[in-house]
């Protein structure tokens, strides 16, 4: 079992923490009409990490990974995101990953620990079932291996890091 965190997830962890470091409450809460604020984007990421951890906890409790067989649509979507590192814009977040007003202090202080915990449990599942095994279904990409789950979270997290950095600047022309 590997002991060191995946370097890409470690870099993501640092990038996300850096993106919000020193943000004022005004920056944390500002958003364009109909869009999420930086706090909601950060909570969304936090919820994706905690949801993935729960999913992989279920994998460990199973005799066999609960992943389904991938459809052609799943394979194509997974290739775009985990193969080409591209996250198409405009997709609505699944209900479990939609911000619901968690305390920003909790989200900010725990997000790095959640990324590390997620990497550890993915590794534990890979050690148990094999690194080439589809372990768990993603709600949009379908069944993924542990490596594909890591890659998804890196691509997804970097996408939202860019959003946070834009939001940090505030409204065009200042407000």
C-alpha atoms as a PDB file:
ATOM      1  CA  UNK A   1       0.000   0.000   0.000  1.00  0.00           C
ATOM      2  CA  UNK A   2       1.435   3.374  -0.980  1.00  0.00           C
ATOM      3  CA  UNK A   3       2.010   5.808   1.837  1.00  0.00           C
ATOM      4  CA  UNK A   4       2.525   9.114   0.026  1.00  0.00           C
ATOM      5  CA  UNK A   5      -0.412  11.037  -1.328  1.00  0.00           C
ATOM      6  CA  UNK A   6      -0.827  11.155  -5.116  1.00  0.00           C
ATOM      7  CA  UNK A   7       1.280  14.124  -6.251  1.00  0.00           C
ATOM      8  CA  UNK A   8      -1.484  15.538  -8.472  1.00  0.00           C
ATOM      9  CA  UNK A   9      -3.980  15.520  -5.595  1.00  0.00           C
ATOM     10  CA  UNK A  10      -1.347  17.040  -3.326  1.00  0.00           C
ATOM     11  CA  UNK A  11      -0.787  19.831  -5.880  1.00  0.00           C
ATOM     12  CA  UNK A  12      -4.554  20.323  -6.171  1.00  0.00           C
ATOM     13  CA  UNK A  13      -4.836  20.508  -2.387  1.00  0.00           C
ATOM     14  CA  UNK A  14      -2.180  23.238  -2.295  1.00  0.00           C
ATOM     15  CA  UNK A  15      -3.675  25.121  -5.260  1.00  0.00           C
ATOM     16  CA  UNK A  16      -7.149  25.208  -3.709  1.00  0.00           C
ATOM     17  CA  UNK A  17      -5.826  26.361  -0.350  1.00  0.00           C
ATOM     18  CA  UNK A  18      -3.768  29.046  -2.108  1.00  0.00           C
ATOM     19  CA  UNK A  19      -6.756  30.187  -4.190  1.00  0.00           C
ATOM     20  CA  UNK A  20      -8.772  31.071  -1.083  1.00  0.00           C
ATOM     21  CA  UNK A  21      -5.934  32.159   1.199  1.00  0.00           C
ATOM     22  CA  UNK A  22      -6.564  35.634   2.580  1.00  0.00           C
ATOM     23  CA  UNK A  23      -9.939  36.050   0.856  1.00  0.00           C
ATOM     24  CA  UNK A  24     -12.160  38.578   2.539  1.00  0.00           C
ATOM     25  CA  UNK A  25     -15.724  37.700   3.513  1.00  0.00           C
ATOM     26  CA  UNK A  26     -16.890  39.965   0.675  1.00  0.00           C
ATOM     27  CA  UNK A  27     -14.760  38.068  -1.852  1.00  0.00           C
ATOM     28  CA  UNK A  28     -15.924  34.738  -0.397  1.00  0.00           C
ATOM     29  CA  UNK A  29     -19.596  35.665  -0.866  1.00  0.00           C
ATOM     30  CA  UNK A  30     -19.614  37.734  -4.092  1.00  0.00           C
ATOM     31  CA  UNK A  31     -21.091  36.103  -7.205  1.00  0.00           C
ATOM     32  CA  UNK A  32     -22.537  37.065 -10.560  1.00  0.00           C
ATOM     33  CA  UNK A  33     -26.309  36.736 -10.776  1.00  0.00           C
ATOM     34  CA  UNK A  34     -27.362  33.101 -11.041  1.00  0.00           C
ATOM     35  CA  UNK A  35     -23.864  31.748 -10.308  1.00  0.00           C
ATOM     36  CA  UNK A  36     -22.180  30.351  -7.209  1.00  0.00           C
ATOM     37  CA  UNK A  37     -19.925  32.427  -4.988  1.00  0.00           C
ATOM     38  CA  UNK A  38     -16.406  31.211  -4.100  1.00  0.00           C
ATOM     39  CA  UNK A  39     -17.716  29.786  -0.822  1.00  0.00           C
ATOM     40  CA  UNK A  40     -20.318  27.718  -2.662  1.00  0.00           C
ATOM     41  CA  UNK A  41     -17.758  26.503  -5.221  1.00  0.00           C
ATOM     42  CA  UNK A  42     -15.464  25.455  -2.360  1.00  0.00           C
ATOM     43  CA  UNK A  43     -18.342  23.703  -0.577  1.00  0.00           C
ATOM     44  CA  UNK A  44     -19.242  21.919  -3.828  1.00  0.00           C
ATOM     45  CA  UNK A  45     -15.685  20.576  -4.055  1.00  0.00           C
ATOM     46  CA  UNK A  46     -15.761  19.573  -0.380  1.00  0.00           C
ATOM     47  CA  UNK A  47     -19.022  17.682  -0.972  1.00  0.00           C
ATOM     48  CA  UNK A  48     -17.560  15.847  -3.975  1.00  0.00           C
ATOM     49  CA  UNK A  49     -14.637  14.682  -1.834  1.00  0.00           C
ATOM     50  CA  UNK A  50     -16.828  13.569   1.076  1.00  0.00           C
ATOM     51  CA  UNK A  51     -19.217  11.860  -1.353  1.00  0.00           C
ATOM     52  CA  UNK A  52     -16.362   9.997  -3.012  1.00  0.00           C
ATOM     53  CA  UNK A  53     -15.060   8.903   0.392  1.00  0.00           C
ATOM     54  CA  UNK A  54     -18.521   7.541   1.302  1.00  0.00           C
ATOM     55  CA  UNK A  55     -18.750   5.752  -2.040  1.00  0.00           C
ATOM     56  CA  UNK A  56     -15.373   4.094  -1.554  1.00  0.00           C
ATOM     57  CA  UNK A  57     -16.303   3.127   2.011  1.00  0.00           C
ATOM     58  CA  UNK A  58     -19.173   1.188   0.409  1.00  0.00           C
ATOM     59  CA  UNK A  59     -16.727  -0.395  -2.038  1.00  0.00           C
ATOM     60  CA  UNK A  60     -14.640  -1.669   0.890  1.00  0.00           C
ATOM     61  CA  UNK A  61     -17.728  -3.158   2.548  1.00  0.00           C
ATOM     62  CA  UNK A  62     -18.670  -5.078  -0.607  1.00  0.00           C
ATOM     63  CA  UNK A  63     -17.337  -8.473  -1.628  1.00  0.00           C
ATOM     64  CA  UNK A  64     -17.049  -7.096  -5.156  1.00  0.00           C
ATOM     65  CA  UNK A  65     -16.866  -3.472  -6.320  1.00  0.00           C
ATOM     66  CA  UNK A  66     -20.389  -2.189  -7.079  1.00  0.00           C
ATOM     67  CA  UNK A  67     -19.363  -0.546 -10.375  1.00  0.00           C
ATOM     68  CA  UNK A  68     -21.671  -1.245 -13.311  1.00  0.00           C
ATOM     69  CA  UNK A  69     -20.670  -1.994 -16.874  1.00  0.00           C
ATOM     70  CA  UNK A  70     -19.783   1.224 -18.768  1.00  0.00           C
ATOM     71  CA  UNK A  71     -21.984   2.331 -21.641  1.00  0.00           C
ATOM     72  CA  UNK A  72     -20.478   3.898 -24.757  1.00  0.00           C
ATOM     73  CA  UNK A  73     -21.625   7.306 -23.458  1.00  0.00           C
ATOM     74  CA  UNK A  74     -19.828   6.663 -20.155  1.00  0.00           C
ATOM     75  CA  UNK A  75     -16.653   5.619 -21.951  1.00  0.00           C
ATOM     76  CA  UNK A  76     -16.697   8.741 -24.098  1.00  0.00           C
ATOM     77  CA  UNK A  77     -17.359  11.062 -21.155  1.00  0.00           C
ATOM     78  CA  UNK A  78     -14.651   9.397 -19.059  1.00  0.00           C
ATOM     79  CA  UNK A  79     -12.180   9.674 -21.966  1.00  0.00           C
ATOM     80  CA  UNK A  80     -12.868  13.400 -22.364  1.00  0.00           C
ATOM     81  CA  UNK A  81     -12.382  14.132 -18.661  1.00  0.00           C
ATOM     82  CA  UNK A  82      -9.789  11.600 -17.515  1.00  0.00           C
ATOM     83  CA  UNK A  83      -8.023  11.072 -20.842  1.00  0.00           C
ATOM     84  CA  UNK A  84      -7.994  14.585 -22.301  1.00  0.00           C
ATOM     85  CA  UNK A  85      -8.230  16.484 -18.980  1.00  0.00           C
ATOM     86  CA  UNK A  86     -11.191  18.501 -20.237  1.00  0.00           C
ATOM     87  CA  UNK A  87     -14.268  19.253 -18.155  1.00  0.00           C
ATOM     88  CA  UNK A  88     -17.135  20.513 -20.330  1.00  0.00           C
ATOM     89  CA  UNK A  89     -18.824  23.562 -18.823  1.00  0.00           C
ATOM     90  CA  UNK A  90     -22.495  23.956 -18.105  1.00  0.00           C
ATOM     91  CA  UNK A  91     -23.291  20.667 -16.389  1.00  0.00           C
ATOM     92  CA  UNK A  92     -25.454  20.985 -13.290  1.00  0.00           C
ATOM     93  CA  UNK A  93     -24.002  19.482 -10.112  1.00  0.00           C
ATOM     94  CA  UNK A  94     -25.658  16.316  -8.789  1.00  0.00           C
ATOM     95  CA  UNK A  95     -27.853  16.969  -5.700  1.00  0.00           C
ATOM     96  CA  UNK A  96     -25.315  15.391  -3.326  1.00  0.00           C
ATOM     97  CA  UNK A  97     -22.670  17.869  -4.511  1.00  0.00           C
ATOM     98  CA  UNK A  98     -24.882  20.974  -4.520  1.00  0.00           C
ATOM     99  CA  UNK A  99     -23.929  23.533  -1.847  1.00  0.00           C
ATOM    100  CA  UNK A 100     -26.295  23.624   1.104  1.00  0.00           C
ATOM    101  CA  UNK A 101     -24.767  26.205   3.400  1.00  0.00           C
ATOM    102  CA  UNK A 102     -22.141  24.290   5.395  1.00  0.00           C
ATOM    103  CA  UNK A 103     -20.087  26.500   7.678  1.00  0.00           C
ATOM    104  CA  UNK A 104     -17.337  28.074   5.581  1.00  0.00           C
ATOM    105  CA  UNK A 105     -14.801  27.636   8.406  1.00  0.00           C
ATOM    106  CA  UNK A 106     -15.445  23.882   8.411  1.00  0.00           C
ATOM    107  CA  UNK A 107     -15.142  23.588   4.640  1.00  0.00           C
ATOM    108  CA  UNK A 108     -11.997  25.726   4.482  1.00  0.00           C
ATOM    109  CA  UNK A 109     -10.263  23.958   7.359  1.00  0.00           C
ATOM    110  CA  UNK A 110     -11.187  20.383   6.348  1.00  0.00           C
ATOM    111  CA  UNK A 111     -10.970  20.338   2.547  1.00  0.00           C
ATOM    112  CA  UNK A 112      -7.272  19.405   2.481  1.00  0.00           C
ATOM    113  CA  UNK A 113      -7.839  16.553   4.928  1.00  0.00           C
ATOM    114  CA  UNK A 114     -10.755  15.297   2.803  1.00  0.00           C
ATOM    115  CA  UNK A 115      -8.596  15.212  -0.334  1.00  0.00           C
ATOM    116  CA  UNK A 116      -5.937  13.201   1.535  1.00  0.00           C
ATOM    117  CA  UNK A 117      -8.549  10.845   3.038  1.00  0.00           C
ATOM    118  CA  UNK A 118     -10.078  10.335  -0.406  1.00  0.00           C
ATOM    119  CA  UNK A 119      -6.703   9.388  -1.882  1.00  0.00           C
ATOM    120  CA  UNK A 120      -6.062   6.931   0.981  1.00  0.00           C
ATOM    121  CA  UNK A 121      -9.394   5.127   0.599  1.00  0.00           C
ATOM    122  CA  UNK A 122      -9.043   4.924  -3.187  1.00  0.00           C
ATOM    123  CA  UNK A 123      -5.618   3.342  -2.664  1.00  0.00           C
ATOM    124  CA  UNK A 124      -7.052   0.911  -0.134  1.00  0.00           C
ATOM    125  CA  UNK A 125      -9.695  -0.177  -2.663  1.00  0.00           C
ATOM    126  CA  UNK A 126      -7.080  -0.539  -5.407  1.00  0.00           C
ATOM    127  CA  UNK A 127      -4.946  -2.668  -3.106  1.00  0.00           C
ATOM    128  CA  UNK A 128      -7.926  -4.902  -2.360  1.00  0.00           C
ATOM    129  CA  UNK A 129      -9.554  -5.189  -5.808  1.00  0.00           C
ATOM    130  CA  UNK A 130      -6.779  -4.278  -8.255  1.00  0.00           C
ATOM    131  CA  UNK A 131      -5.726  -1.011  -9.852  1.00  0.00           C
ATOM    132  CA  UNK A 132      -7.322  -1.856 -13.222  1.00  0.00           C
ATOM    133  CA  UNK A 133     -10.726  -2.674 -11.731  1.00  0.00           C
ATOM    134  CA  UNK A 134     -13.657  -0.303 -12.206  1.00  0.00           C
ATOM    135  CA  UNK A 135     -14.437   0.355  -8.564  1.00  0.00           C
ATOM    136  CA  UNK A 136     -17.284   2.834  -8.341  1.00  0.00           C
ATOM    137  CA  UNK A 137     -19.742   4.619 -10.622  1.00  0.00           C
ATOM    138  CA  UNK A 138     -19.467   8.359 -11.081  1.00  0.00           C
ATOM    139  CA  UNK A 139     -22.941   9.912 -11.558  1.00  0.00           C
ATOM    140  CA  UNK A 140     -22.005  11.331 -14.988  1.00  0.00           C
ATOM    141  CA  UNK A 141     -18.867   9.469 -16.128  1.00  0.00           C
ATOM    142  CA  UNK A 142     -20.026   6.004 -15.115  1.00  0.00           C
ATOM    143  CA  UNK A 143     -17.740   3.312 -13.664  1.00  0.00           C
ATOM    144  CA  UNK A 144     -14.161   4.429 -13.038  1.00  0.00           C
ATOM    145  CA  UNK A 145     -10.929   2.902 -11.779  1.00  0.00           C
ATOM    146  CA  UNK A 146      -9.203   4.473  -8.792  1.00  0.00           C
ATOM    147  CA  UNK A 147      -6.770   6.244 -11.104  1.00  0.00           C
ATOM    148  CA  UNK A 148      -9.651   7.647 -13.137  1.00  0.00           C
ATOM    149  CA  UNK A 149     -11.313   8.880  -9.934  1.00  0.00           C
ATOM    150  CA  UNK A 150      -8.121  10.712  -8.979  1.00  0.00           C
ATOM    151  CA  UNK A 151      -7.833  12.221 -12.454  1.00  0.00           C
ATOM    152  CA  UNK A 152     -11.481  13.301 -12.391  1.00  0.00           C
ATOM    153  CA  UNK A 153     -10.969  15.101  -9.082  1.00  0.00           C
ATOM    154  CA  UNK A 154      -7.816  16.821 -10.357  1.00  0.00           C
ATOM    155  CA  UNK A 155      -9.504  18.024 -13.563  1.00  0.00           C
ATOM    156  CA  UNK A 156     -12.691  18.993 -11.703  1.00  0.00           C
ATOM    157  CA  UNK A 157     -10.804  20.736  -8.905  1.00  0.00           C
ATOM    158  CA  UNK A 158      -8.602  22.713 -11.319  1.00  0.00           C
ATOM    159  CA  UNK A 159     -11.717  23.782 -13.232  1.00  0.00           C
ATOM    160  CA  UNK A 160     -13.224  25.178 -10.046  1.00  0.00           C
ATOM    161  CA  UNK A 161      -9.915  26.659  -8.875  1.00  0.00           C
ATOM    162  CA  UNK A 162     -10.034  28.889 -11.978  1.00  0.00           C
ATOM    163  CA  UNK A 163     -13.599  29.903 -11.088  1.00  0.00           C
ATOM    164  CA  UNK A 164     -12.550  30.795  -7.550  1.00  0.00           C
ATOM    165  CA  UNK A 165      -9.649  32.902  -8.811  1.00  0.00           C
ATOM    166  CA  UNK A 166     -12.019  34.802 -11.151  1.00  0.00           C
ATOM    167  CA  UNK A 167     -14.530  35.292  -8.334  1.00  0.00           C
ATOM    168  CA  UNK A 168     -11.750  36.482  -6.041  1.00  0.00           C
ATOM    169  CA  UNK A 169     -11.196  39.441  -8.351  1.00  0.00           C
ATOM    170  CA  UNK A 170     -14.803  40.491  -7.836  1.00  0.00           C
ATOM    171  CA  UNK A 171     -17.151  42.162 -10.283  1.00  0.00           C
ATOM    172  CA  UNK A 172     -15.718  43.685 -13.461  1.00  0.00           C
ATOM    173  CA  UNK A 173     -14.849  47.311 -12.767  1.00  0.00           C
ATOM    174  CA  UNK A 174     -15.183  46.781  -8.994  1.00  0.00           C
ATOM    175  CA  UNK A 175     -18.338  47.199  -6.965  1.00  0.00           C
END
